[in-house]
Amino acid sequence: MKVDTLAHVKNQLSAVIADLGEEPLFITRHGRVAAVLQAVTDEDAEDYLLRNSPKFWRLIASRRAQAVAGQVVPFDPAAYGGKVAAIPVVREARASYRSTPGAESGKGTRSPRRKR
């Protein structure tokens, strides 16, 4: 586990990022962990953005509700030049649709800054 102070990270940010590697860096302020810095790939960044996007999860919830109501638009392979095989809809799976945790709560959105 790597640990460093906020002052050092602020002064040496480029070097700290270059040395991150696979292990996350815990950043402390006044002796307490205040943040975690972790290297990411482009794929990790995309996954993170989607996981924490309220707009994306509202869209997923909407499509799941449409599927449960039987309002799903069938996939048209001709729209993709006929090279993509259609995936059959499994009606029994409709009962397993449920909302994604955190989607309604807005998890991943920033909260307003607290006044001190």
N, C-alpha and C. Protein backbone atom coordinates (compact mmCIF):
# COMPACT_ATOMS: atom_id res chain seq x y z
N MET A 1 0.85 -1.18 0.00
CA MET A 1 0.00 0.00 0.00
C MET A 1 0.89 1.23 0.00
N LYS A 2 0.71 2.09 -0.99
CA LYS A 2 1.47 3.33 -1.09
C LYS A 2 0.70 4.44 -0.39
N VAL A 3 1.42 5.25 0.38
CA VAL A 3 0.82 6.39 1.07
C VAL A 3 1.73 7.59 0.88
N ASP A 4 1.14 8.75 0.61
CA ASP A 4 1.93 9.97 0.46
C ASP A 4 1.10 11.14 0.97
N THR A 5 1.78 12.24 1.27
CA THR A 5 1.09 13.42 1.79
C THR A 5 0.55 14.26 0.64
N LEU A 6 -0.47 15.02 0.93
CA LEU A 6 -1.07 15.90 -0.06
C LEU A 6 -0.06 16.94 -0.54
N ALA A 7 0.72 17.48 0.36
CA ALA A 7 1.71 18.51 -0.01
C ALA A 7 2.70 17.95 -1.03
N HIS A 8 3.20 16.74 -0.80
CA HIS A 8 4.16 16.14 -1.73
C HIS A 8 3.51 15.85 -3.08
N VAL A 9 2.30 15.33 -3.06
CA VAL A 9 1.60 15.02 -4.31
C VAL A 9 1.34 16.30 -5.11
N LYS A 10 0.95 17.37 -4.43
CA LYS A 10 0.71 18.64 -5.12
C LYS A 10 1.98 19.15 -5.78
N ASN A 11 3.10 19.05 -5.09
CA ASN A 11 4.37 19.58 -5.61
C ASN A 11 4.99 18.70 -6.68
N GLN A 12 4.71 17.41 -6.66
CA GLN A 12 5.36 16.47 -7.57
C GLN A 12 4.35 15.65 -8.36
N LEU A 13 3.24 16.23 -8.76
CA LEU A 13 2.14 15.48 -9.37
C LEU A 13 2.57 14.68 -10.60
N SER A 14 3.31 15.26 -11.50
CA SER A 14 3.72 14.54 -12.71
C SER A 14 4.55 13.32 -12.36
N ALA A 15 5.49 13.47 -11.45
CA ALA A 15 6.34 12.34 -11.04
C ALA A 15 5.53 11.28 -10.30
N VAL A 16 4.59 11.71 -9.48
CA VAL A 16 3.75 10.77 -8.73
C VAL A 16 2.91 9.94 -9.69
N ILE A 17 2.33 10.58 -10.69
CA ILE A 17 1.51 9.87 -11.67
C ILE A 17 2.36 8.89 -12.48
N ALA A 18 3.56 9.31 -12.84
CA ALA A 18 4.45 8.43 -13.60
C ALA A 18 4.84 7.19 -12.80
N ASP A 19 4.89 7.30 -11.47
CA ASP A 19 5.30 6.18 -10.60
C ASP A 19 4.13 5.36 -10.06
N LEU A 20 2.91 5.65 -10.47
CA LEU A 20 1.75 4.97 -9.90
C LEU A 20 1.79 3.46 -10.07
N GLY A 21 1.95 2.98 -11.28
CA GLY A 21 1.93 1.55 -11.52
C GLY A 21 0.53 0.98 -11.28
N GLU A 22 0.47 -0.27 -10.84
CA GLU A 22 -0.80 -0.97 -10.63
C GLU A 22 -1.42 -0.66 -9.26
N GLU A 23 -0.60 -0.31 -8.30
CA GLU A 23 -1.07 -0.13 -6.93
C GLU A 23 -1.60 1.29 -6.71
N PRO A 24 -2.75 1.45 -6.05
CA PRO A 24 -3.29 2.79 -5.81
C PRO A 24 -2.44 3.54 -4.78
N LEU A 25 -2.50 4.86 -4.84
CA LEU A 25 -1.79 5.71 -3.90
C LEU A 25 -2.80 6.38 -2.99
N PHE A 26 -2.65 6.19 -1.69
CA PHE A 26 -3.52 6.84 -0.71
C PHE A 26 -2.87 8.16 -0.33
N ILE A 27 -3.62 9.25 -0.48
CA ILE A 27 -3.11 10.59 -0.21
C ILE A 27 -3.67 11.04 1.13
N THR A 28 -2.78 11.47 2.01
CA THR A 28 -3.21 11.89 3.35
C THR A 28 -3.14 13.41 3.50
N ARG A 29 -4.04 13.90 4.32
CA ARG A 29 -4.05 15.32 4.71
C ARG A 29 -4.22 15.35 6.21
N HIS A 30 -3.30 15.97 6.90
CA HIS A 30 -3.30 16.04 8.36
C HIS A 30 -3.33 14.65 8.98
N GLY A 31 -2.61 13.71 8.33
CA GLY A 31 -2.48 12.36 8.88
C GLY A 31 -3.64 11.42 8.59
N ARG A 32 -4.66 11.88 7.89
CA ARG A 32 -5.81 11.04 7.57
C ARG A 32 -5.92 10.88 6.06
N VAL A 33 -6.38 9.71 5.63
CA VAL A 33 -6.56 9.47 4.20
C VAL A 33 -7.65 10.40 3.68
N ALA A 34 -7.31 11.17 2.63
CA ALA A 34 -8.24 12.13 2.05
C ALA A 34 -8.66 11.75 0.65
N ALA A 35 -7.82 10.97 -0.05
CA ALA A 35 -8.12 10.62 -1.44
C ALA A 35 -7.31 9.40 -1.84
N VAL A 36 -7.72 8.81 -2.97
CA VAL A 36 -6.99 7.69 -3.55
C VAL A 36 -6.73 8.04 -5.00
N LEU A 37 -5.50 7.84 -5.42
CA LEU A 37 -5.11 8.10 -6.80
C LEU A 37 -4.73 6.77 -7.44
N GLN A 38 -5.35 6.46 -8.59
CA GLN A 38 -5.09 5.18 -9.23
C GLN A 38 -4.96 5.39 -10.73
N ALA A 39 -3.98 4.72 -11.33
CA ALA A 39 -3.78 4.80 -12.77
C ALA A 39 -4.93 4.08 -13.47
N VAL A 40 -5.34 4.59 -14.63
CA VAL A 40 -6.41 3.97 -15.40
C VAL A 40 -6.02 3.90 -16.87
N THR A 41 -6.61 2.93 -17.56
CA THR A 41 -6.46 2.84 -19.01
C THR A 41 -7.67 3.54 -19.63
N ASP A 42 -7.67 3.68 -20.94
CA ASP A 42 -8.82 4.29 -21.61
C ASP A 42 -10.08 3.49 -21.36
N GLU A 43 -9.96 2.15 -21.37
CA GLU A 43 -11.12 1.29 -21.13
C GLU A 43 -11.63 1.46 -19.71
N ASP A 44 -10.72 1.56 -18.73
CA ASP A 44 -11.12 1.78 -17.34
C ASP A 44 -11.85 3.11 -17.19
N ALA A 45 -11.36 4.13 -17.87
CA ALA A 45 -11.97 5.45 -17.79
C ALA A 45 -13.40 5.42 -18.34
N GLU A 46 -13.59 4.73 -19.47
CA GLU A 46 -14.93 4.63 -20.05
C GLU A 46 -15.87 3.88 -19.11
N ASP A 47 -15.40 2.77 -18.54
CA ASP A 47 -16.21 2.02 -17.58
C ASP A 47 -16.58 2.89 -16.39
N TYR A 48 -15.63 3.63 -15.86
CA TYR A 48 -15.87 4.50 -14.71
C TYR A 48 -16.92 5.56 -15.05
N LEU A 49 -16.76 6.19 -16.20
CA LEU A 49 -17.71 7.23 -16.59
C LEU A 49 -19.12 6.69 -16.74
N LEU A 50 -19.27 5.51 -17.34
CA LEU A 50 -20.61 4.93 -17.49
C LEU A 50 -21.18 4.50 -16.15
N ARG A 51 -20.35 3.90 -15.31
CA ARG A 51 -20.82 3.43 -13.99
C ARG A 51 -21.33 4.58 -13.14
N ASN A 52 -20.76 5.77 -13.33
CA ASN A 52 -21.10 6.92 -12.50
C ASN A 52 -21.91 7.97 -13.23
N SER A 53 -22.54 7.61 -14.34
CA SER A 53 -23.34 8.55 -15.11
C SER A 53 -24.83 8.35 -14.83
N PRO A 54 -25.46 9.28 -14.11
CA PRO A 54 -26.90 9.17 -13.86
C PRO A 54 -27.71 9.13 -15.16
N LYS A 55 -27.26 9.86 -16.19
CA LYS A 55 -27.97 9.87 -17.47
C LYS A 55 -27.96 8.47 -18.10
N PHE A 56 -26.81 7.80 -18.07
CA PHE A 56 -26.70 6.45 -18.61
C PHE A 56 -27.62 5.49 -17.88
N TRP A 57 -27.64 5.54 -16.54
CA TRP A 57 -28.46 4.60 -15.76
C TRP A 57 -29.95 4.90 -15.91
N ARG A 58 -30.32 6.18 -16.12
CA ARG A 58 -31.73 6.49 -16.42
C ARG A 58 -32.13 5.86 -17.75
N LEU A 59 -31.22 5.92 -18.73
CA LEU A 59 -31.48 5.31 -20.03
C LEU A 59 -31.63 3.79 -19.89
N ILE A 60 -30.76 3.16 -19.13
CA ILE A 60 -30.84 1.71 -18.91
C ILE A 60 -32.16 1.35 -18.22
N ALA A 61 -32.52 2.10 -17.18
CA ALA A 61 -33.78 1.83 -16.47
C ALA A 61 -34.97 2.00 -17.40
N SER A 62 -34.93 3.01 -18.27
CA SER A 62 -36.01 3.24 -19.23
C SER A 62 -36.14 2.06 -20.20
N ARG A 63 -35.01 1.60 -20.71
CA ARG A 63 -35.04 0.47 -21.66
C ARG A 63 -35.50 -0.81 -20.98
N ARG A 64 -35.12 -1.00 -19.73
CA ARG A 64 -35.57 -2.19 -19.00
C ARG A 64 -37.07 -2.14 -18.77
N ALA A 65 -37.58 -0.96 -18.45
CA ALA A 65 -39.02 -0.81 -18.26
C ALA A 65 -39.76 -1.07 -19.57
N GLN A 66 -39.20 -0.61 -20.69
CA GLN A 66 -39.81 -0.87 -21.99
C GLN A 66 -39.81 -2.36 -22.30
N ALA A 67 -38.74 -3.05 -21.94
CA ALA A 67 -38.65 -4.49 -22.19
C ALA A 67 -39.70 -5.23 -21.38
N VAL A 68 -39.88 -4.84 -20.12
CA VAL A 68 -40.88 -5.48 -19.27
C VAL A 68 -42.28 -5.25 -19.82
N ALA A 69 -42.51 -4.05 -20.37
CA ALA A 69 -43.83 -3.72 -20.93
C ALA A 69 -44.02 -4.27 -22.34
N GLY A 70 -43.00 -4.94 -22.87
CA GLY A 70 -43.12 -5.50 -24.22
C GLY A 70 -42.98 -4.49 -25.32
N GLN A 71 -42.37 -3.35 -25.04
CA GLN A 71 -42.23 -2.28 -26.02
C GLN A 71 -40.84 -2.23 -26.63
N VAL A 72 -40.12 -3.32 -26.63
CA VAL A 72 -38.77 -3.35 -27.18
C VAL A 72 -38.82 -3.31 -28.69
N VAL A 73 -37.99 -2.47 -29.28
CA VAL A 73 -37.90 -2.40 -30.73
C VAL A 73 -36.99 -3.53 -31.19
N PRO A 74 -37.44 -4.38 -32.11
CA PRO A 74 -36.60 -5.50 -32.54
C PRO A 74 -35.33 -5.02 -33.23
N PHE A 75 -34.29 -5.78 -33.06
CA PHE A 75 -33.00 -5.48 -33.68
C PHE A 75 -33.10 -5.76 -35.17
N ASP A 76 -32.60 -4.82 -35.99
CA ASP A 76 -32.66 -4.97 -37.44
C ASP A 76 -31.25 -5.13 -37.99
N PRO A 77 -30.82 -6.37 -38.30
CA PRO A 77 -29.46 -6.57 -38.80
C PRO A 77 -29.21 -5.87 -40.14
N ALA A 78 -30.27 -5.60 -40.90
CA ALA A 78 -30.10 -4.93 -42.19
C ALA A 78 -29.55 -3.52 -42.00
N ALA A 79 -29.84 -2.92 -40.84
CA ALA A 79 -29.33 -1.58 -40.56
C ALA A 79 -27.81 -1.58 -40.43
N TYR A 80 -27.23 -2.75 -40.18
CA TYR A 80 -25.78 -2.89 -40.03
C TYR A 80 -25.20 -3.67 -41.20
N GLY A 81 -25.84 -3.62 -42.37
CA GLY A 81 -25.35 -4.30 -43.55
C GLY A 81 -25.60 -5.79 -43.54
N GLY A 82 -26.45 -6.27 -42.61
CA GLY A 82 -26.79 -7.68 -42.55
C GLY A 82 -25.67 -8.56 -42.02
N LYS A 83 -24.59 -7.97 -41.51
CA LYS A 83 -23.44 -8.74 -41.06
C LYS A 83 -23.52 -9.12 -39.58
N VAL A 84 -24.50 -8.58 -38.88
CA VAL A 84 -24.63 -8.84 -37.45
C VAL A 84 -25.83 -9.75 -37.24
N ALA A 85 -25.64 -10.83 -36.50
CA ALA A 85 -26.74 -11.75 -36.23
C ALA A 85 -27.66 -11.16 -35.17
N ALA A 86 -28.95 -11.32 -35.36
CA ALA A 86 -29.92 -10.83 -34.38
C ALA A 86 -29.88 -11.69 -33.13
N ILE A 87 -30.10 -11.06 -32.00
CA ILE A 87 -30.13 -11.77 -30.72
C ILE A 87 -31.59 -11.93 -30.32
N PRO A 88 -32.07 -13.17 -30.12
CA PRO A 88 -33.48 -13.35 -29.76
C PRO A 88 -33.79 -12.82 -28.37
N VAL A 89 -35.00 -12.29 -28.22
CA VAL A 89 -35.43 -11.79 -26.92
C VAL A 89 -35.96 -12.97 -26.11
N VAL A 90 -35.50 -13.10 -24.89
CA VAL A 90 -35.95 -14.16 -24.01
C VAL A 90 -37.01 -13.59 -23.08
N ARG A 91 -38.24 -13.99 -23.28
CA ARG A 91 -39.35 -13.43 -22.51
C ARG A 91 -39.26 -13.79 -21.04
N GLU A 92 -38.73 -14.97 -20.72
CA GLU A 92 -38.64 -15.38 -19.32
C GLU A 92 -37.69 -14.47 -18.54
N ALA A 93 -36.77 -13.83 -19.21
CA ALA A 93 -35.80 -12.97 -18.53
C ALA A 93 -36.43 -11.67 -18.07
N ARG A 94 -37.60 -11.33 -18.60
CA ARG A 94 -38.24 -10.07 -18.21
C ARG A 94 -38.45 -9.97 -16.71
N ALA A 95 -38.78 -11.08 -16.08
CA ALA A 95 -39.03 -11.05 -14.64
C ALA A 95 -37.77 -10.72 -13.86
N SER A 96 -36.60 -10.95 -14.44
CA SER A 96 -35.35 -10.69 -13.72
C SER A 96 -34.88 -9.25 -13.86
N TYR A 97 -35.53 -8.44 -14.71
CA TYR A 97 -35.12 -7.04 -14.84
C TYR A 97 -35.38 -6.32 -13.53
N ARG A 98 -34.41 -5.56 -13.13
CA ARG A 98 -34.58 -4.73 -11.93
C ARG A 98 -33.73 -3.49 -12.11
N SER A 99 -34.03 -2.48 -11.35
CA SER A 99 -33.26 -1.24 -11.49
C SER A 99 -31.86 -1.43 -10.93
N THR A 100 -30.94 -0.68 -11.45
CA THR A 100 -29.55 -0.76 -11.04
C THR A 100 -29.36 -0.01 -9.74
N PRO A 101 -28.63 -0.60 -8.76
CA PRO A 101 -28.40 0.10 -7.49
C PRO A 101 -27.68 1.42 -7.73
N GLY A 102 -28.16 2.44 -7.06
CA GLY A 102 -27.52 3.74 -7.15
C GLY A 102 -28.04 4.62 -8.28
N ALA A 103 -28.81 4.06 -9.20
CA ALA A 103 -29.28 4.84 -10.34
C ALA A 103 -30.24 5.94 -9.90
N GLU A 104 -31.18 5.60 -9.02
CA GLU A 104 -32.17 6.58 -8.59
C GLU A 104 -31.58 7.57 -7.60
N SER A 105 -30.59 7.14 -6.84
CA SER A 105 -30.03 8.02 -5.82
C SER A 105 -29.07 9.04 -6.39
N GLY A 106 -28.71 8.89 -7.68
CA GLY A 106 -27.78 9.82 -8.27
C GLY A 106 -26.35 9.54 -7.86
N LYS A 107 -26.07 8.31 -7.46
CA LYS A 107 -24.74 7.95 -7.03
C LYS A 107 -23.74 8.30 -8.12
N GLY A 108 -22.66 8.89 -7.73
CA GLY A 108 -21.65 9.27 -8.69
C GLY A 108 -21.73 10.74 -9.04
N THR A 109 -22.79 11.43 -8.62
CA THR A 109 -22.87 12.86 -8.88
C THR A 109 -22.18 13.59 -7.74
N ARG A 110 -21.71 14.76 -8.02
CA ARG A 110 -21.01 15.52 -7.00
C ARG A 110 -22.01 16.21 -6.09
N SER A 111 -21.70 16.22 -4.82
CA SER A 111 -22.56 16.92 -3.86
C SER A 111 -22.07 18.36 -3.74
N PRO A 112 -22.96 19.25 -3.32
CA PRO A 112 -22.53 20.65 -3.18
C PRO A 112 -21.44 20.76 -2.12
N ARG A 113 -20.59 21.74 -2.29
CA ARG A 113 -19.49 21.95 -1.36
C ARG A 113 -20.01 22.41 -0.01
N ARG A 114 -19.47 21.81 1.05
CA ARG A 114 -19.89 22.20 2.40
C ARG A 114 -19.23 23.51 2.80
N LYS A 115 -19.98 24.32 3.53
CA LYS A 115 -19.42 25.56 4.07
C LYS A 115 -18.72 25.21 5.37
N ARG A 116 -17.60 25.84 5.59
CA ARG A 116 -16.84 25.58 6.83
C ARG A 116 -17.02 26.66 7.83
